Every structure is written in structure tokens, then in C-alpha cells.
Amino acid sequence: MRDAVRRPVELVLVLLVVSMGAFALVDLMPGDPAVAVLGEGHTPAEYQAQREEMGLTDPLPARYARWVGDAVTGDLGTSFVPPNNDVAGRIGAALPVSVELAVLALLIALIVAIPLAMWSAYRAGGRVDRLVSAGTFAILSVPSFLAGMLLIALFAERLGWFPRLEWARLSDGLGDNLYHAFLPALTIALVEVATFTRVLRGDLITTLREDFILASRAKGMPPVHVLLRDALRPSSFSLVTLLGVSLGRLIGSTVIVEHLFALPGMGTLIIGAADAGDVPTVQGAVLVIALIYVLVNALIDVSYGRLDPRIRRAHV
């Protein structure tokens, strides 16, 4: 019961802090919101009237309370940039793109990283382990924009296997959507593959030295059974934590990849809004990303008890 009360309170406190930071953007971002709305060439009186109409002349606590109250009901304001669309609608159109890229990238990373880590850890110090360690280190040394450019040059331009400047939504068909999403998701996944592999490999090596693993080997259990049934689950804590952190981070940090592939995601939306001085859109996007990040990590925290029953007993 204590845990059930503590977690929601922590989530609310974190979101309040993040919302304060997001709201402060209106005063920290360069430029004048009134100029962003009206454009250049108007009189000071017209700009002042616009600020009053937007509520920018009200005290900061009053503006914050009004903004949070509207946000709770799903109203994130109206974009400053013509045609002055609803911010929630703009985020609703961009968010699925970034979420899909992040989730698909994590799935690719897990599919590749888990077998690599198990193979490497079971023969730690061997030839395969050295090759995997060198390969992951090399991937981590390559910036995302360079990896994306190389993948585009090879698979999109030279071989013509994948498109570059096109995007198909799920409504256009699952196959077409995955075909257009695979290459940018692979670009994002490369760093995650290297990170997941190195973290899981280290935890597996430690677990494989435990007494219960030695007992399983002594019983003649095959390596696949030892790795999958005995070692993988207790070695997954760091990996699960990384998954939560990575998902929240990737949703808001796919700017370079979205730019390279001209994708209409959250990164593109935030950069475009910041360049145009569209404060409500930046505020709303930051708040939504923070909400996703906090909720995902809360679910990850809850999942620890499923991975190891000792954690559940520790909370009793």
C-alpha cells in the first residue's frame, strides 16, 4: 500500500517540476511571441495589445496555473505559427512517428543484442567475445548522423532497397509502413545494439559465475538452457533499466535521423517550432515527452518485481 501511494506521488512531483521548466521556456526562448504571431512591421502598441490578448502580461504564477489547468484537460494551446493549428493536434500527428521509430529501434536492438551478449559472455575472453567487444566499441565511436548517411548511401541510393525521403503511416498499410520505417529505425538502433550488448554481456558474465549456474552446468544442462532459462532473467536488470531510459530519450532525440530521412516526427516538430518562436508547441511537446518518459520508467520500476521475486519480498 505504501508503494502504491508513493509512486503516483513521485510521478506527480516529477511532472510538476518538468512542467515548470517547460513553461519557463516562454520567458527563456529568444524573440517576442507577439512578433511571432503578428510578424514584423507593427507598432509597439499593437505588439503590446497582442501580448495582453495572449495573457503574457499576467503574473507568472497565474499564467502557469492557467496553462497547467488547460494541459490537464488536454488543451495545450494554439500554435503561434500560421495557420495557428491546435498544439495537441500537431503533437498527435508527430508523436506516432517518433514512438514507432523508437519502439522499432529498440526491438531491432534487442533482437540483435541479446544473442550477441549471450554468445559473447558464455565464451568470455574467446575470439567471438573479442570480435563482439571490438565491434560494439566501433559502433559507439560512430556518430548517428554519419551512420545514417552511410546507411542511406548504401541501402537507399546505391542498392535502392529502401526509400529515403518518404514516410508511410500505419493507415497506409503495415507492410508499407515498416518498409519506410526500417532504415531510419536501424540507424537509431545501432548505438542501442552496442550499448545493450556491452551491458548485458557484463551482467551475464557475473551471473554465470554464481553457484546456481555452476550447479546447472554440473547437471549437464545444455548451454542454451543455462543461458536462456537460468542466466538471462537475473542478468536483465540493467538492460530493463536501459530500455526505459532509452525509449523516453529516443522519442525526443531522433532529431538528426528525422532530419536525414525527412520524417514528420517529434524531433522535427520541436526544432521547427523553436526556430519559428512557436512557444506553445515547444512547451506542449516537452511536456508530452516528459510524461511518456516518466510513465515508461515507472512501468520499468514495477517490472523489477517480475524479474526477481526477492524485490517483491523486500517491499513487503
C-alpha atoms as a PDB file:
ATOM      1  CA  MET A   1       0.000   0.000   0.000  1.00  0.00           C
ATOM      2  CA  ARG A   2       2.889   2.336   0.851  1.00  0.00           C
ATOM      3  CA  ASP A   3       4.461   1.624  -2.543  1.00  0.00           C
ATOM      4  CA  ALA A   4       1.148   2.163  -4.323  1.00  0.00           C
ATOM      5  CA  VAL A   5       0.833   5.619  -2.746  1.00  0.00           C
ATOM      6  CA  ARG A   6       4.483   6.634  -3.059  1.00  0.00           C
ATOM      7  CA  ARG A   7       4.891   6.017  -6.784  1.00  0.00           C
ATOM      8  CA  PRO A   8       1.978   8.163  -8.013  1.00  0.00           C
ATOM      9  CA  VAL A   9       3.078  10.987  -5.696  1.00  0.00           C
ATOM     10  CA  GLU A  10       6.612  10.810  -7.097  1.00  0.00           C
ATOM     11  CA  LEU A  11       5.263  10.837 -10.650  1.00  0.00           C
ATOM     12  CA  VAL A  12       3.144  13.908  -9.986  1.00  0.00           C
ATOM     13  CA  LEU A  13       6.065  15.747  -8.374  1.00  0.00           C
ATOM     14  CA  VAL A  14       8.377  14.959 -11.276  1.00  0.00           C
ATOM     15  CA  LEU A  15       5.784  16.087 -13.809  1.00  0.00           C
ATOM     16  CA  LEU A  16       5.218  19.314 -11.882  1.00  0.00           C
ATOM     17  CA  VAL A  17       8.932  20.102 -11.953  1.00  0.00           C
ATOM     18  CA  VAL A  18       9.134  19.314 -15.664  1.00  0.00           C
ATOM     19  CA  SER A  19       6.031  21.360 -16.400  1.00  0.00           C
ATOM     20  CA  MET A  20       7.577  24.343 -14.612  1.00  0.00           C
ATOM     21  CA  GLY A  21      10.679  24.033 -16.748  1.00  0.00           C
ATOM     22  CA  ALA A  22       8.629  23.700 -19.918  1.00  0.00           C
ATOM     23  CA  PHE A  23       6.509  26.700 -19.022  1.00  0.00           C
ATOM     24  CA  ALA A  24       9.624  28.767 -18.315  1.00  0.00           C
ATOM     25  CA  LEU A  25      10.521  28.399 -21.996  1.00  0.00           C
ATOM     26  CA  VAL A  26       8.165  31.274 -22.792  1.00  0.00           C
ATOM     27  CA  ASP A  27      10.497  33.631 -20.927  1.00  0.00           C
ATOM     28  CA  LEU A  28      13.790  31.918 -21.820  1.00  0.00           C
ATOM     29  CA  MET A  29      13.357  31.473 -25.571  1.00  0.00           C
ATOM     30  CA  PRO A  30      14.753  34.326 -27.678  1.00  0.00           C
ATOM     31  CA  GLY A  31      12.367  36.610 -29.527  1.00  0.00           C
ATOM     32  CA  ASP A  32       8.967  38.053 -28.748  1.00  0.00           C
ATOM     33  CA  PRO A  33       5.899  35.791 -29.022  1.00  0.00           C
ATOM     34  CA  ALA A  34       3.872  38.805 -30.139  1.00  0.00           C
ATOM     35  CA  VAL A  35       6.244  39.291 -33.079  1.00  0.00           C
ATOM     36  CA  ALA A  36       5.973  35.586 -33.902  1.00  0.00           C
ATOM     37  CA  VAL A  37       2.192  35.951 -34.121  1.00  0.00           C
ATOM     38  CA  LEU A  38       1.862  39.328 -35.855  1.00  0.00           C
ATOM     39  CA  GLY A  39       5.082  39.387 -37.834  1.00  0.00           C
ATOM     40  CA  GLU A  40       7.378  42.332 -38.373  1.00  0.00           C
ATOM     41  CA  GLY A  41       6.322  45.908 -39.110  1.00  0.00           C
ATOM     42  CA  HIS A  42       3.684  46.561 -36.457  1.00  0.00           C
ATOM     43  CA  THR A  43       3.590  49.344 -33.890  1.00  0.00           C
ATOM     44  CA  PRO A  44       4.630  48.865 -30.231  1.00  0.00           C
ATOM     45  CA  ALA A  45       1.007  49.404 -29.210  1.00  0.00           C
ATOM     46  CA  GLU A  46      -0.131  46.565 -31.482  1.00  0.00           C
ATOM     47  CA  TYR A  47       2.515  44.241 -30.061  1.00  0.00           C
ATOM     48  CA  GLN A  48       1.513  45.180 -26.507  1.00  0.00           C
ATOM     49  CA  ALA A  49      -2.140  44.508 -27.297  1.00  0.00           C
ATOM     50  CA  GLN A  50      -1.196  41.111 -28.695  1.00  0.00           C
ATOM     51  CA  ARG A  51       0.764  40.261 -25.547  1.00  0.00           C
ATOM     52  CA  GLU A  52      -2.239  41.183 -23.419  1.00  0.00           C
ATOM     53  CA  GLU A  53      -4.518  39.066 -25.595  1.00  0.00           C
ATOM     54  CA  MET A  54      -2.122  36.109 -25.178  1.00  0.00           C
ATOM     55  CA  GLY A  55      -2.046  36.638 -21.416  1.00  0.00           C
ATOM     56  CA  LEU A  56       1.691  37.313 -21.362  1.00  0.00           C
ATOM     57  CA  THR A  57       1.268  40.401 -19.204  1.00  0.00           C
ATOM     58  CA  ASP A  58      -0.329  38.430 -16.373  1.00  0.00           C
ATOM     59  CA  PRO A  59       1.788  37.398 -13.349  1.00  0.00           C
ATOM     60  CA  LEU A  60       3.860  34.248 -13.892  1.00  0.00           C
ATOM     61  CA  PRO A  61       2.054  32.101 -11.264  1.00  0.00           C
ATOM     62  CA  ALA A  62      -1.318  32.947 -12.807  1.00  0.00           C
ATOM     63  CA  ARG A  63      -0.092  32.071 -16.306  1.00  0.00           C
ATOM     64  CA  TYR A  64       1.410  28.802 -15.073  1.00  0.00           C
ATOM     65  CA  ALA A  65      -1.727  27.778 -13.194  1.00  0.00           C
ATOM     66  CA  ARG A  66      -3.859  28.532 -16.262  1.00  0.00           C
ATOM     67  CA  TRP A  67      -1.526  26.572 -18.557  1.00  0.00           C
ATOM     68  CA  VAL A  68      -1.374  23.525 -16.263  1.00  0.00           C
ATOM     69  CA  GLY A  69      -5.146  23.577 -15.822  1.00  0.00           C
ATOM     70  CA  ASP A  70      -5.661  23.579 -19.577  1.00  0.00           C
ATOM     71  CA  ALA A  71      -2.993  20.886 -20.078  1.00  0.00           C
ATOM     72  CA  VAL A  72      -4.730  18.550 -17.626  1.00  0.00           C
ATOM     73  CA  THR A  73      -7.838  18.720 -19.818  1.00  0.00           C
ATOM     74  CA  GLY A  74      -5.760  18.053 -22.950  1.00  0.00           C
ATOM     75  CA  ASP A  75      -5.684  21.660 -24.136  1.00  0.00           C
ATOM     76  CA  LEU A  76      -2.050  22.552 -24.907  1.00  0.00           C
ATOM     77  CA  GLY A  77      -2.852  25.855 -26.545  1.00  0.00           C
ATOM     78  CA  THR A  78      -2.697  27.132 -30.105  1.00  0.00           C
ATOM     79  CA  SER A  79       0.374  27.375 -32.284  1.00  0.00           C
ATOM     80  CA  PHE A  80       1.801  30.859 -32.842  1.00  0.00           C
ATOM     81  CA  VAL A  81       2.712  29.970 -36.415  1.00  0.00           C
ATOM     82  CA  PRO A  82       0.065  30.293 -39.158  1.00  0.00           C
ATOM     83  CA  PRO A  83      -2.290  28.562 -39.730  1.00  0.00           C
ATOM     84  CA  ASN A  84      -2.312  28.536 -35.900  1.00  0.00           C
ATOM     85  CA  ASN A  85      -3.242  24.889 -35.502  1.00  0.00           C
ATOM     86  CA  ASP A  86      -4.107  23.266 -32.214  1.00  0.00           C
ATOM     87  CA  VAL A  87      -0.878  22.200 -30.455  1.00  0.00           C
ATOM     88  CA  ALA A  88      -2.354  18.909 -29.263  1.00  0.00           C
ATOM     89  CA  GLY A  89      -3.303  18.105 -32.848  1.00  0.00           C
ATOM     90  CA  ARG A  90       0.206  18.841 -34.121  1.00  0.00           C
ATOM     91  CA  ILE A  91       1.726  16.661 -31.414  1.00  0.00           C
ATOM     92  CA  GLY A  92      -0.830  13.945 -32.102  1.00  0.00           C
ATOM     93  CA  ALA A  93       0.297  13.849 -35.732  1.00  0.00           C
ATOM     94  CA  ALA A  94       4.036  13.830 -34.956  1.00  0.00           C
ATOM     95  CA  LEU A  95       4.170  11.621 -31.853  1.00  0.00           C
ATOM     96  CA  PRO A  96       3.228   8.291 -33.524  1.00  0.00           C
ATOM     97  CA  VAL A  97       6.154   8.666 -35.935  1.00  0.00           C
ATOM     98  CA  SER A  98       8.727   9.124 -33.170  1.00  0.00           C
ATOM     99  CA  VAL A  99       7.168   6.463 -30.945  1.00  0.00           C
ATOM    100  CA  GLU A 100       7.174   3.945 -33.778  1.00  0.00           C
ATOM    101  CA  LEU A 101      10.795   4.708 -34.653  1.00  0.00           C
ATOM    102  CA  ALA A 102      11.859   4.411 -31.007  1.00  0.00           C
ATOM    103  CA  VAL A 103       9.969   1.153 -30.390  1.00  0.00           C
ATOM    104  CA  LEU A 104      11.100  -0.406 -33.666  1.00  0.00           C
ATOM    105  CA  ALA A 105      14.703   0.629 -32.965  1.00  0.00           C
ATOM    106  CA  LEU A 106      14.562  -0.956 -29.506  1.00  0.00           C
ATOM    107  CA  LEU A 107      13.086  -4.166 -30.923  1.00  0.00           C
ATOM    108  CA  ILE A 108      15.867  -4.376 -33.513  1.00  0.00           C
ATOM    109  CA  ALA A 109      18.434  -3.658 -30.810  1.00  0.00           C
ATOM    110  CA  LEU A 110      17.079  -6.394 -28.517  1.00  0.00           C
ATOM    111  CA  ILE A 111      16.827  -8.974 -31.300  1.00  0.00           C
ATOM    112  CA  VAL A 112      20.474  -8.399 -32.176  1.00  0.00           C
ATOM    113  CA  ALA A 113      21.981  -7.574 -28.781  1.00  0.00           C
ATOM    114  CA  ILE A 114      20.625 -10.427 -26.645  1.00  0.00           C
ATOM    115  CA  PRO A 115      22.061 -13.293 -28.773  1.00  0.00           C
ATOM    116  CA  LEU A 116      25.335 -11.405 -29.219  1.00  0.00           C
ATOM    117  CA  ALA A 117      25.675 -10.785 -25.492  1.00  0.00           C
ATOM    118  CA  MET A 118      24.879 -14.400 -24.580  1.00  0.00           C
ATOM    119  CA  TRP A 119      27.253 -15.777 -27.191  1.00  0.00           C
ATOM    120  CA  SER A 120      29.989 -13.417 -26.081  1.00  0.00           C
ATOM    121  CA  ALA A 121      29.509 -13.934 -22.333  1.00  0.00           C
ATOM    122  CA  TYR A 122      29.386 -17.729 -22.486  1.00  0.00           C
ATOM    123  CA  ARG A 123      32.837 -17.757 -24.093  1.00  0.00           C
ATOM    124  CA  ALA A 124      34.231 -14.692 -22.351  1.00  0.00           C
ATOM    125  CA  GLY A 125      37.747 -13.924 -23.493  1.00  0.00           C
ATOM    126  CA  GLY A 126      37.414 -16.036 -26.627  1.00  0.00           C
ATOM    127  CA  ARG A 127      37.602 -14.997 -30.252  1.00  0.00           C
ATOM    128  CA  VAL A 128      33.876 -14.264 -30.575  1.00  0.00           C
ATOM    129  CA  ASP A 129      33.934 -12.221 -27.381  1.00  0.00           C
ATOM    130  CA  ARG A 130      36.840 -10.141 -28.659  1.00  0.00           C
ATOM    131  CA  LEU A 131      35.125  -9.577 -32.014  1.00  0.00           C
ATOM    132  CA  VAL A 132      31.865  -8.541 -30.351  1.00  0.00           C
ATOM    133  CA  SER A 133      33.651  -6.178 -27.969  1.00  0.00           C
ATOM    134  CA  ALA A 134      35.622  -4.581 -30.790  1.00  0.00           C
ATOM    135  CA  GLY A 135      32.513  -4.279 -32.984  1.00  0.00           C
ATOM    136  CA  THR A 136      30.378  -2.649 -30.313  1.00  0.00           C
ATOM    137  CA  PHE A 137      33.169  -0.241 -29.436  1.00  0.00           C
ATOM    138  CA  ALA A 138      33.480   0.722 -33.110  1.00  0.00           C
ATOM    139  CA  ILE A 139      29.718   1.318 -33.411  1.00  0.00           C
ATOM    140  CA  LEU A 140      29.730   3.534 -30.325  1.00  0.00           C
ATOM    141  CA  SER A 141      32.518   5.587 -31.909  1.00  0.00           C
ATOM    142  CA  VAL A 142      30.439   6.426 -34.988  1.00  0.00           C
ATOM    143  CA  PRO A 143      28.067   9.444 -34.667  1.00  0.00           C
ATOM    144  CA  SER A 144      24.429   8.796 -35.535  1.00  0.00           C
ATOM    145  CA  PHE A 145      24.413  11.269 -38.420  1.00  0.00           C
ATOM    146  CA  LEU A 146      27.433   9.553 -40.013  1.00  0.00           C
ATOM    147  CA  ALA A 147      25.905   6.094 -39.565  1.00  0.00           C
ATOM    148  CA  GLY A 148      22.677   7.365 -41.103  1.00  0.00           C
ATOM    149  CA  MET A 149      24.492   8.871 -44.074  1.00  0.00           C
ATOM    150  CA  LEU A 150      26.384   5.611 -44.669  1.00  0.00           C
ATOM    151  CA  LEU A 151      23.185   3.550 -44.496  1.00  0.00           C
ATOM    152  CA  ILE A 152      21.439   5.957 -46.852  1.00  0.00           C
ATOM    153  CA  ALA A 153      24.333   5.892 -49.310  1.00  0.00           C
ATOM    154  CA  LEU A 154      24.458   2.087 -49.315  1.00  0.00           C
ATOM    155  CA  PHE A 155      20.890   0.857 -48.974  1.00  0.00           C
ATOM    156  CA  ALA A 156      18.864   3.794 -50.322  1.00  0.00           C
ATOM    157  CA  GLU A 157      20.998   5.336 -53.054  1.00  0.00           C
ATOM    158  CA  ARG A 158      23.377   2.619 -54.218  1.00  0.00           C
ATOM    159  CA  LEU A 159      21.263  -0.532 -53.796  1.00  0.00           C
ATOM    160  CA  GLY A 160      17.846   1.144 -53.880  1.00  0.00           C
ATOM    161  CA  TRP A 161      16.416  -1.247 -51.315  1.00  0.00           C
ATOM    162  CA  PHE A 162      14.784   1.401 -49.122  1.00  0.00           C
ATOM    163  CA  PRO A 163      13.380   4.910 -49.667  1.00  0.00           C
ATOM    164  CA  ARG A 164      14.969   7.937 -48.048  1.00  0.00           C
ATOM    165  CA  LEU A 165      12.662  10.949 -48.227  1.00  0.00           C
ATOM    166  CA  GLU A 166       9.320   9.193 -47.866  1.00  0.00           C
ATOM    167  CA  TRP A 167       7.113   8.162 -44.965  1.00  0.00           C
ATOM    168  CA  ALA A 168       4.080   5.904 -44.916  1.00  0.00           C
ATOM    169  CA  ARG A 169       1.757   5.898 -41.914  1.00  0.00           C
ATOM    170  CA  LEU A 170       0.169   2.777 -40.469  1.00  0.00           C
ATOM    171  CA  SER A 171      -3.078   3.770 -42.144  1.00  0.00           C
ATOM    172  CA  ASP A 172      -1.322   3.186 -45.480  1.00  0.00           C
ATOM    173  CA  GLY A 173      -0.712  -0.458 -44.568  1.00  0.00           C
ATOM    174  CA  LEU A 174       1.576  -2.221 -42.089  1.00  0.00           C
ATOM    175  CA  GLY A 175       3.931  -3.590 -44.726  1.00  0.00           C
ATOM    176  CA  ASP A 176       4.398  -0.239 -46.444  1.00  0.00           C
ATOM    177  CA  ASN A 177       4.835   1.473 -43.094  1.00  0.00           C
ATOM    178  CA  LEU A 178       7.551  -0.928 -41.894  1.00  0.00           C
ATOM    179  CA  TYR A 179       9.286  -0.731 -45.260  1.00  0.00           C
ATOM    180  CA  HIS A 180       9.664   3.042 -44.910  1.00  0.00           C
ATOM    181  CA  ALA A 181      10.478   2.923 -41.182  1.00  0.00           C
ATOM    182  CA  PHE A 182      13.108   0.182 -41.198  1.00  0.00           C
ATOM    183  CA  LEU A 183      16.155   2.138 -42.377  1.00  0.00           C
ATOM    184  CA  PRO A 184      15.735   5.118 -40.006  1.00  0.00           C
ATOM    185  CA  ALA A 185      14.930   2.706 -37.159  1.00  0.00           C
ATOM    186  CA  LEU A 186      18.082   0.730 -37.967  1.00  0.00           C
ATOM    187  CA  THR A 187      20.089   3.959 -37.854  1.00  0.00           C
ATOM    188  CA  ILE A 188      18.771   4.666 -34.357  1.00  0.00           C
ATOM    189  CA  ALA A 189      19.196   1.031 -33.275  1.00  0.00           C
ATOM    190  CA  LEU A 190      22.918   0.769 -33.997  1.00  0.00           C
ATOM    191  CA  VAL A 191      24.029   2.627 -30.884  1.00  0.00           C
ATOM    192  CA  GLU A 192      21.428   0.806 -28.785  1.00  0.00           C
ATOM    193  CA  VAL A 193      22.696  -2.560 -30.064  1.00  0.00           C
ATOM    194  CA  ALA A 194      26.225  -1.732 -28.954  1.00  0.00           C
ATOM    195  CA  THR A 195      25.109  -0.372 -25.579  1.00  0.00           C
ATOM    196  CA  PHE A 196      22.715  -3.231 -24.787  1.00  0.00           C
ATOM    197  CA  THR A 197      25.273  -5.842 -25.831  1.00  0.00           C
ATOM    198  CA  ARG A 198      28.020  -4.459 -23.629  1.00  0.00           C
ATOM    199  CA  VAL A 199      25.773  -4.021 -20.586  1.00  0.00           C
ATOM    200  CA  LEU A 200      24.095  -7.420 -20.847  1.00  0.00           C
ATOM    201  CA  ARG A 201      27.405  -9.172 -21.557  1.00  0.00           C
ATOM    202  CA  GLY A 202      28.913  -7.784 -18.356  1.00  0.00           C
ATOM    203  CA  ASP A 203      25.914  -8.808 -16.252  1.00  0.00           C
ATOM    204  CA  LEU A 204      25.803 -12.274 -17.824  1.00  0.00           C
ATOM    205  CA  ILE A 205      29.474 -12.869 -17.098  1.00  0.00           C
ATOM    206  CA  THR A 206      28.833 -12.052 -13.442  1.00  0.00           C
ATOM    207  CA  THR A 207      25.721 -14.266 -13.279  1.00  0.00           C
ATOM    208  CA  LEU A 208      27.459 -17.192 -14.962  1.00  0.00           C
ATOM    209  CA  ARG A 209      29.855 -17.325 -12.003  1.00  0.00           C
ATOM    210  CA  GLU A 210      27.047 -17.799  -9.490  1.00  0.00           C
ATOM    211  CA  ASP A 211      26.655 -21.111  -7.646  1.00  0.00           C
ATOM    212  CA  PHE A 212      23.232 -21.909  -9.118  1.00  0.00           C
ATOM    213  CA  ILE A 213      24.689 -21.600 -12.628  1.00  0.00           C
ATOM    214  CA  LEU A 214      27.583 -23.891 -11.728  1.00  0.00           C
ATOM    215  CA  ALA A 215      25.052 -26.363 -10.341  1.00  0.00           C
ATOM    216  CA  SER A 216      23.044 -26.220 -13.565  1.00  0.00           C
ATOM    217  CA  ARG A 217      26.167 -26.885 -15.602  1.00  0.00           C
ATOM    218  CA  ALA A 218      27.116 -29.749 -13.283  1.00  0.00           C
ATOM    219  CA  LYS A 219      23.741 -31.354 -14.031  1.00  0.00           C
ATOM    220  CA  GLY A 220      24.713 -31.421 -17.687  1.00  0.00           C
ATOM    221  CA  MET A 221      22.270 -28.749 -18.851  1.00  0.00           C
ATOM    222  CA  PRO A 222      22.987 -27.563 -22.407  1.00  0.00           C
ATOM    223  CA  PRO A 223      24.369 -24.019 -22.885  1.00  0.00           C
ATOM    224  CA  VAL A 224      21.086 -22.770 -24.372  1.00  0.00           C
ATOM    225  CA  HIS A 225      19.190 -23.867 -21.252  1.00  0.00           C
ATOM    226  CA  VAL A 226      21.783 -22.323 -18.945  1.00  0.00           C
ATOM    227  CA  LEU A 227      21.749 -19.007 -20.777  1.00  0.00           C
ATOM    228  CA  LEU A 228      18.044 -18.645 -21.523  1.00  0.00           C
ATOM    229  CA  ARG A 229      16.427 -20.319 -18.501  1.00  0.00           C
ATOM    230  CA  ASP A 230      18.941 -19.669 -15.735  1.00  0.00           C
ATOM    231  CA  ALA A 231      21.198 -16.707 -16.536  1.00  0.00           C
ATOM    232  CA  LEU A 232      19.267 -14.290 -18.722  1.00  0.00           C
ATOM    233  CA  ARG A 233      16.462 -13.353 -16.330  1.00  0.00           C
ATOM    234  CA  PRO A 234      18.596 -12.348 -13.300  1.00  0.00           C
ATOM    235  CA  SER A 235      21.010 -10.562 -15.647  1.00  0.00           C
ATOM    236  CA  SER A 236      18.346  -8.326 -17.174  1.00  0.00           C
ATOM    237  CA  PHE A 237      18.006  -5.606 -14.537  1.00  0.00           C
ATOM    238  CA  SER A 238      20.463  -3.191 -16.140  1.00  0.00           C
ATOM    239  CA  LEU A 239      19.056  -3.967 -19.584  1.00  0.00           C
ATOM    240  CA  VAL A 240      15.468  -3.321 -18.484  1.00  0.00           C
ATOM    241  CA  THR A 241      16.531  -0.031 -16.894  1.00  0.00           C
ATOM    242  CA  LEU A 242      18.277   0.961 -20.112  1.00  0.00           C
ATOM    243  CA  LEU A 243      15.154   0.123 -22.099  1.00  0.00           C
ATOM    244  CA  GLY A 244      13.071   2.571 -20.090  1.00  0.00           C
ATOM    245  CA  VAL A 245      15.673   5.311 -20.288  1.00  0.00           C
ATOM    246  CA  SER A 246      16.281   4.700 -23.993  1.00  0.00           C
ATOM    247  CA  LEU A 247      12.615   4.725 -25.002  1.00  0.00           C
ATOM    248  CA  GLY A 248      11.934   8.070 -23.377  1.00  0.00           C
ATOM    249  CA  ARG A 249      15.184   9.511 -24.683  1.00  0.00           C
ATOM    250  CA  LEU A 250      14.755   8.272 -28.237  1.00  0.00           C
ATOM    251  CA  ILE A 251      11.256   9.714 -28.630  1.00  0.00           C
ATOM    252  CA  GLY A 252      12.603  13.218 -28.118  1.00  0.00           C
ATOM    253  CA  SER A 253      16.122  12.832 -29.505  1.00  0.00           C
ATOM    254  CA  THR A 254      15.606  11.453 -33.005  1.00  0.00           C
ATOM    255  CA  VAL A 255      16.140  14.921 -34.449  1.00  0.00           C
ATOM    256  CA  ILE A 256      19.147  14.067 -36.616  1.00  0.00           C
ATOM    257  CA  VAL A 257      17.642  10.864 -38.003  1.00  0.00           C
ATOM    258  CA  GLU A 258      14.282  12.514 -38.672  1.00  0.00           C
ATOM    259  CA  HIS A 259      16.082  15.323 -40.483  1.00  0.00           C
ATOM    260  CA  LEU A 260      18.178  12.921 -42.573  1.00  0.00           C
ATOM    261  CA  PHE A 261      15.114  10.951 -43.648  1.00  0.00           C
ATOM    262  CA  ALA A 262      12.704  13.940 -43.710  1.00  0.00           C
ATOM    263  CA  LEU A 263      10.332  12.308 -41.221  1.00  0.00           C
ATOM    264  CA  PRO A 264       7.422  14.219 -39.611  1.00  0.00           C
ATOM    265  CA  GLY A 265       8.230  13.252 -36.021  1.00  0.00           C
ATOM    266  CA  MET A 266       8.597  14.991 -32.670  1.00  0.00           C
ATOM    267  CA  GLY A 267      12.204  15.987 -33.261  1.00  0.00           C
ATOM    268  CA  THR A 268      11.331  17.774 -36.480  1.00  0.00           C
ATOM    269  CA  LEU A 269       8.316  19.389 -34.811  1.00  0.00           C
ATOM    270  CA  ILE A 270      10.327  20.737 -31.861  1.00  0.00           C
ATOM    271  CA  ILE A 271      13.183  22.088 -33.983  1.00  0.00           C
ATOM    272  CA  GLY A 272      10.787  23.762 -36.409  1.00  0.00           C
ATOM    273  CA  ALA A 273       8.750  25.273 -33.575  1.00  0.00           C
ATOM    274  CA  ALA A 274      11.875  26.543 -31.792  1.00  0.00           C
ATOM    275  CA  ASP A 275      13.184  28.159 -34.980  1.00  0.00           C
ATOM    276  CA  ALA A 276       9.839  29.883 -35.523  1.00  0.00           C
ATOM    277  CA  GLY A 277       9.468  31.021 -31.912  1.00  0.00           C
ATOM    278  CA  ASP A 278       6.375  28.852 -31.521  1.00  0.00           C
ATOM    279  CA  VAL A 279       6.492  28.612 -27.731  1.00  0.00           C
ATOM    280  CA  PRO A 280       3.184  26.724 -27.121  1.00  0.00           C
ATOM    281  CA  THR A 281       4.251  23.916 -29.450  1.00  0.00           C
ATOM    282  CA  VAL A 282       7.656  23.568 -27.770  1.00  0.00           C
ATOM    283  CA  GLN A 283       6.061  23.638 -24.326  1.00  0.00           C
ATOM    284  CA  GLY A 284       3.457  21.030 -25.225  1.00  0.00           C
ATOM    285  CA  ALA A 285       5.969  18.734 -26.922  1.00  0.00           C
ATOM    286  CA  VAL A 286       8.376  18.862 -23.980  1.00  0.00           C
ATOM    287  CA  LEU A 287       5.558  18.130 -21.544  1.00  0.00           C
ATOM    288  CA  VAL A 288       4.279  15.153 -23.551  1.00  0.00           C
ATOM    289  CA  ILE A 289       7.765  13.662 -23.924  1.00  0.00           C
ATOM    290  CA  ALA A 290       8.386  14.093 -20.191  1.00  0.00           C
ATOM    291  CA  LEU A 291       5.061  12.402 -19.400  1.00  0.00           C
ATOM    292  CA  ILE A 292       5.954   9.411 -21.600  1.00  0.00           C
ATOM    293  CA  TYR A 293       9.432   9.218 -20.101  1.00  0.00           C
ATOM    294  CA  VAL A 294       8.136   9.229 -16.522  1.00  0.00           C
ATOM    295  CA  LEU A 295       5.372   6.687 -17.175  1.00  0.00           C
ATOM    296  CA  VAL A 296       7.673   4.289 -19.035  1.00  0.00           C
ATOM    297  CA  ASN A 297      10.245   4.359 -16.248  1.00  0.00           C
ATOM    298  CA  ALA A 298       7.519   3.833 -13.657  1.00  0.00           C
ATOM    299  CA  LEU A 299       6.449   0.688 -15.524  1.00  0.00           C
ATOM    300  CA  ILE A 300      10.077  -0.421 -15.654  1.00  0.00           C
ATOM    301  CA  ASP A 301      10.320   0.051 -11.898  1.00  0.00           C
ATOM    302  CA  VAL A 302       7.252  -2.118 -11.384  1.00  0.00           C
ATOM    303  CA  SER A 303       8.646  -4.818 -13.691  1.00  0.00           C
ATOM    304  CA  TYR A 304      11.639  -5.436 -11.416  1.00  0.00           C
ATOM    305  CA  GLY A 305       9.447  -7.483  -9.124  1.00  0.00           C
ATOM    306  CA  ARG A 306       8.574  -9.743 -12.046  1.00  0.00           C
ATOM    307  CA  LEU A 307      12.218 -10.310 -12.884  1.00  0.00           C
ATOM    308  CA  ASP A 308      13.261 -11.162  -9.330  1.00  0.00           C
ATOM    309  CA  PRO A 309      10.722 -12.191  -6.641  1.00  0.00           C
ATOM    310  CA  ARG A 310      13.218 -11.116  -3.964  1.00  0.00           C
ATOM    311  CA  ILE A 311      12.412  -7.494  -4.805  1.00  0.00           C
ATOM    312  CA  ARG A 312       8.699  -8.086  -4.173  1.00  0.00           C
ATOM    313  CA  ARG A 313       9.502  -9.693  -0.833  1.00  0.00           C
ATOM    314  CA  ALA A 314      11.772  -6.783   0.074  1.00  0.00           C
ATOM    315  CA  HIS A 315       8.833  -4.380  -0.241  1.00  0.00           C
ATOM    316  CA  VAL A 316       6.518  -6.498   1.919  1.00  0.00           C
END
